[in-house]
Structures are given as C-alpha cells and as structure tokens.
Amino acid sequence: RIVREASQATQKEVCLVTEGEGTEIDKTVVERLADPLTHMIRNAIDHGLEVPKDRVAAGKAATGTVTLTARQQSDRVIIEVSDDGRGIDRDRVLARAIERGLVPPGKSLDANEIDRLLFLPGFSTNETVTALSGRGVGMDVVQRSIRDLNGAISITSTAGKGCMLSISLPLT
C-alpha cells in the first residue's frame, strides 16, 4: 500500500521486491521499525527513483525497483532498503547544507560525510513541501529510532545506479 500510494503521488512506476520474509525478529522490534521503514521506502521512491521518461533516457527500465531485504548475520539482523534510481546527488546535498548554514562555505567533505548530512534534524533537499517529503522531518527520526533499538544505519550510494540504506540490529 505504501509503495502504491507513493508511486501515485510521484507519478513513478515502482516494483517492490521483498527478500528474507522468513527472517525472525522480535515482534516489538518489528512494530518499532514500521515507521522508519515506511519513511525509507517513501524516500527511495520520492528522492531515489526517476520518473519513467528519465529512467528510459538513462537506459533503464521505465519501472523503478525498490527492494526490501532482511537477513540474519551472526548475532544481528540486517534490513536493507535499496532502489535502482539516481543515487544521492552529493553536490546538491552539500550545497543545501551550506545554504542552510550547516556546513561552512568552501569546506570539503568526503562522500560519507555528505551522506551523514541527510541525518541532520530539519535537513531536506526539497525546495517545496510535498505529500511525501520536504518538511525536514525524516531521516533524523529514522536514525533515532534505529539507535533506540541499539542499532545502526548506514548509506551506500552510487551515482546513476541507486542507493541502499542498511539497518543493523541486535537479534534480541
């Protein structure tokens, strides 16, 4: 339902792929992950995936793919939300952070430092508020929710190929 609504709101064609449905995780943790995962999936569709004509122009299928995976790795559960979209526009993120006074002009940041800016409270790259984003309430709340569960979240992004948010949580 979340994917369908976000797809309609953004006028993008989206296919959701799920993997690891048999991964066991505490019911309380699942309930506390509902909002962060919802936000991550909406972000993947709104910010990550391109509109069909732009995808086709980039040599991709018109329909974008968002993948939600879960797996156990040692004493942790790894949950990933990935998309095959444009990836993070790090130049835009850095410019927006400088514009908002979060980073001094001329300061050079590496890719990981720029990605971490996305977790700052109130940070948004959207110029206007939409039904899905632009209010600056989001990734900081996601990160706080994950930390409250003694977990960690990381970002991997490749320009033109997509982005993956990975959550690592203790089994118990």
Protein backbone atom coordinates (compact mmCIF):
# COMPACT_ATOMS: atom_id res chain seq x y z
CA ARG A 1 0.00 0.00 0.00
CA ILE A 2 2.82 2.42 0.89
CA VAL A 3 4.52 1.77 -2.43
CA ARG A 4 1.29 2.15 -4.38
CA GLU A 5 0.43 5.46 -2.69
CA ALA A 6 3.94 6.88 -3.09
CA SER A 7 4.03 5.72 -6.71
CA GLN A 8 0.77 7.52 -7.46
CA ALA A 9 1.81 10.68 -5.60
CA THR A 10 5.09 10.92 -7.52
CA GLN A 11 3.78 9.61 -10.87
CA LYS A 12 6.52 6.98 -10.93
CA GLU A 13 6.25 3.32 -11.85
CA VAL A 14 7.54 1.19 -8.97
CA CYS A 15 8.03 -2.52 -8.36
CA LEU A 16 8.60 -3.62 -4.75
CA VAL A 17 10.77 -6.70 -4.26
CA THR A 18 10.99 -8.35 -0.85
CA GLU A 19 13.58 -10.90 0.23
CA GLY A 20 14.10 -12.70 3.52
CA GLU A 21 10.50 -12.86 4.68
CA GLY A 22 11.43 -15.84 6.87
CA THR A 23 13.95 -13.82 8.88
CA GLU A 24 12.94 -13.92 12.52
CA ILE A 25 12.91 -10.76 14.56
CA ASP A 26 11.23 -9.81 17.83
CA LYS A 27 7.63 -8.61 17.37
CA THR A 28 8.28 -5.45 19.42
CA VAL A 29 11.22 -4.57 17.18
CA VAL A 30 9.08 -5.10 14.07
CA GLU A 31 6.43 -2.75 15.45
CA ARG A 32 9.07 -0.11 16.21
CA LEU A 33 10.53 -0.45 12.71
CA ALA A 34 7.24 0.19 10.90
CA ASP A 35 7.54 3.99 10.79
CA PRO A 36 11.28 4.12 9.94
CA LEU A 37 10.85 1.54 7.15
CA THR A 38 7.83 3.39 5.79
CA HIS A 39 9.87 6.58 5.66
CA MET A 40 12.82 4.84 3.99
CA ILE A 41 10.61 3.29 1.31
CA ARG A 42 8.89 6.62 0.61
CA ASN A 43 12.29 8.32 0.35
CA ALA A 44 13.52 5.67 -2.07
CA ILE A 45 10.54 6.35 -4.32
CA ASP A 46 10.38 10.13 -3.94
CA HIS A 47 14.10 11.00 -3.91
CA GLY A 48 15.76 7.94 -5.42
CA LEU A 49 13.73 6.76 -8.38
CA GLU A 50 13.48 8.83 -11.52
CA VAL A 51 10.28 9.44 -13.46
CA PRO A 52 9.78 6.88 -16.26
CA LYS A 53 10.95 9.13 -19.12
CA ASP A 54 14.18 9.99 -17.26
CA ARG A 55 14.80 6.32 -16.46
CA VAL A 56 14.36 5.35 -20.11
CA ALA A 57 16.67 8.21 -21.18
CA ALA A 58 19.28 6.83 -18.75
CA GLY A 59 18.99 3.36 -20.33
CA LYS A 60 16.94 1.87 -17.51
CA ALA A 61 13.55 0.20 -17.47
CA ALA A 62 10.67 2.68 -17.06
CA THR A 63 9.67 0.91 -13.85
CA GLY A 64 11.96 1.51 -10.89
CA THR A 65 12.65 -1.17 -8.31
CA VAL A 66 12.68 -0.76 -4.54
CA THR A 67 14.00 -3.79 -2.68
CA LEU A 68 13.38 -4.58 0.99
CA THR A 69 15.59 -7.35 2.33
CA ALA A 70 16.06 -8.91 5.75
CA ARG A 71 18.65 -11.47 6.83
CA GLN A 72 20.40 -12.72 9.91
CA GLN A 73 24.13 -12.17 10.03
CA SER A 74 25.83 -13.61 13.09
CA ASP A 75 24.09 -12.09 16.14
CA ARG A 76 22.46 -9.28 14.14
CA VAL A 77 19.55 -8.74 11.81
CA ILE A 78 20.32 -6.72 8.69
CA ILE A 79 17.45 -4.91 6.98
CA GLU A 80 18.09 -3.07 3.74
CA VAL A 81 16.00 -0.73 1.62
CA SER A 82 17.53 -0.14 -1.79
CA ASP A 83 16.49 1.41 -5.07
CA ASP A 84 17.83 1.35 -8.62
CA GLY A 85 17.42 5.10 -9.04
CA ARG A 86 19.77 8.02 -9.50
CA GLY A 87 21.71 7.71 -6.24
CA ILE A 88 22.40 10.58 -3.88
CA ASP A 89 23.22 13.88 -5.57
CA ARG A 90 26.01 14.71 -3.16
CA ASP A 91 26.75 18.09 -4.78
CA ARG A 92 23.13 19.10 -4.18
CA VAL A 93 23.17 17.80 -0.60
CA LEU A 94 26.37 19.72 0.18
CA ALA A 95 25.08 22.89 -1.50
CA ARG A 96 21.85 22.69 0.51
CA ALA A 97 23.81 22.16 3.75
CA ILE A 98 26.00 25.20 3.00
CA GLU A 99 22.92 27.25 2.09
CA ARG A 100 21.31 26.35 5.44
CA GLY A 101 24.50 27.17 7.39
CA LEU A 102 25.12 23.56 8.41
CA VAL A 103 28.50 23.42 6.66
CA PRO A 104 30.89 26.38 6.23
CA PRO A 105 31.33 27.50 2.59
CA GLY A 106 34.44 26.05 0.99
CA LYS A 107 34.68 23.14 3.43
CA SER A 108 35.47 19.90 1.66
CA LEU A 109 33.63 16.76 2.76
CA ASP A 110 34.06 13.18 1.61
CA ALA A 111 31.12 11.12 0.34
CA ASN A 112 30.41 9.54 3.75
CA GLU A 113 30.38 12.92 5.49
CA ILE A 114 27.97 14.29 2.88
CA ASP A 115 25.72 11.23 3.27
CA ARG A 116 25.63 11.75 7.06
CA LEU A 117 24.22 15.27 6.48
CA LEU A 118 20.98 13.57 5.46
CA PHE A 119 20.50 12.52 9.10
CA LEU A 120 20.64 16.07 10.48
CA PRO A 121 17.42 17.31 12.11
CA GLY A 122 15.42 19.51 9.76
CA PHE A 123 17.52 18.68 6.70
CA SER A 124 15.76 18.37 3.36
CA THR A 125 16.92 18.80 -0.23
CA ASN A 126 13.38 19.56 -1.40
CA GLU A 127 12.65 23.18 -2.21
CA THR A 128 8.92 22.69 -1.65
CA VAL A 129 6.88 20.55 0.71
CA THR A 130 5.06 17.68 -0.98
CA ALA A 131 2.74 14.99 0.31
CA LEU A 132 5.78 12.75 0.80
CA SER A 133 8.68 14.99 1.74
CA GLY A 134 10.22 18.38 2.18
CA ARG A 135 9.36 19.05 5.80
CA GLY A 136 12.80 18.07 7.09
CA VAL A 137 11.29 15.53 9.46
CA GLY A 138 12.56 12.16 8.50
CA MET A 139 15.98 10.68 8.37
CA ASP A 140 16.97 12.09 11.76
CA VAL A 141 13.88 10.43 13.25
CA VAL A 142 14.71 7.21 11.41
CA GLN A 143 18.25 7.27 12.80
CA ARG A 144 17.00 7.99 16.34
CA SER A 145 14.51 5.09 16.13
CA ILE A 146 17.26 2.72 15.00
CA ARG A 147 19.62 3.91 17.75
CA ASP A 148 16.84 3.43 20.33
CA LEU A 149 16.83 -0.23 19.26
CA ASN A 150 20.64 -0.38 19.79
CA GLY A 151 21.11 -0.49 16.04
CA ALA A 152 22.98 1.43 13.40
CA ILE A 153 22.07 2.74 9.95
CA SER A 154 24.37 3.34 7.01
CA ILE A 155 24.07 4.62 3.44
CA THR A 156 25.68 3.29 0.27
CA SER A 157 25.05 5.23 -2.92
CA THR A 158 26.37 5.12 -6.46
CA ALA A 159 25.52 7.94 -8.86
CA GLY A 160 23.16 6.74 -11.58
CA LYS A 161 22.84 3.28 -10.03
CA GLY A 162 20.89 3.75 -6.81
CA CYS A 163 21.07 3.93 -3.07
CA MET A 164 20.86 1.48 -0.18
CA LEU A 165 20.06 2.17 3.45
CA SER A 166 21.20 -0.64 5.71
CA ILE A 167 19.97 -1.16 9.27
CA SER A 168 21.89 -3.44 11.62
CA LEU A 169 20.07 -4.53 14.78
CA PRO A 170 20.90 -6.95 17.59
CA LEU A 171 18.87 -10.17 17.48
CA THR A 172 17.47 -9.52 20.94
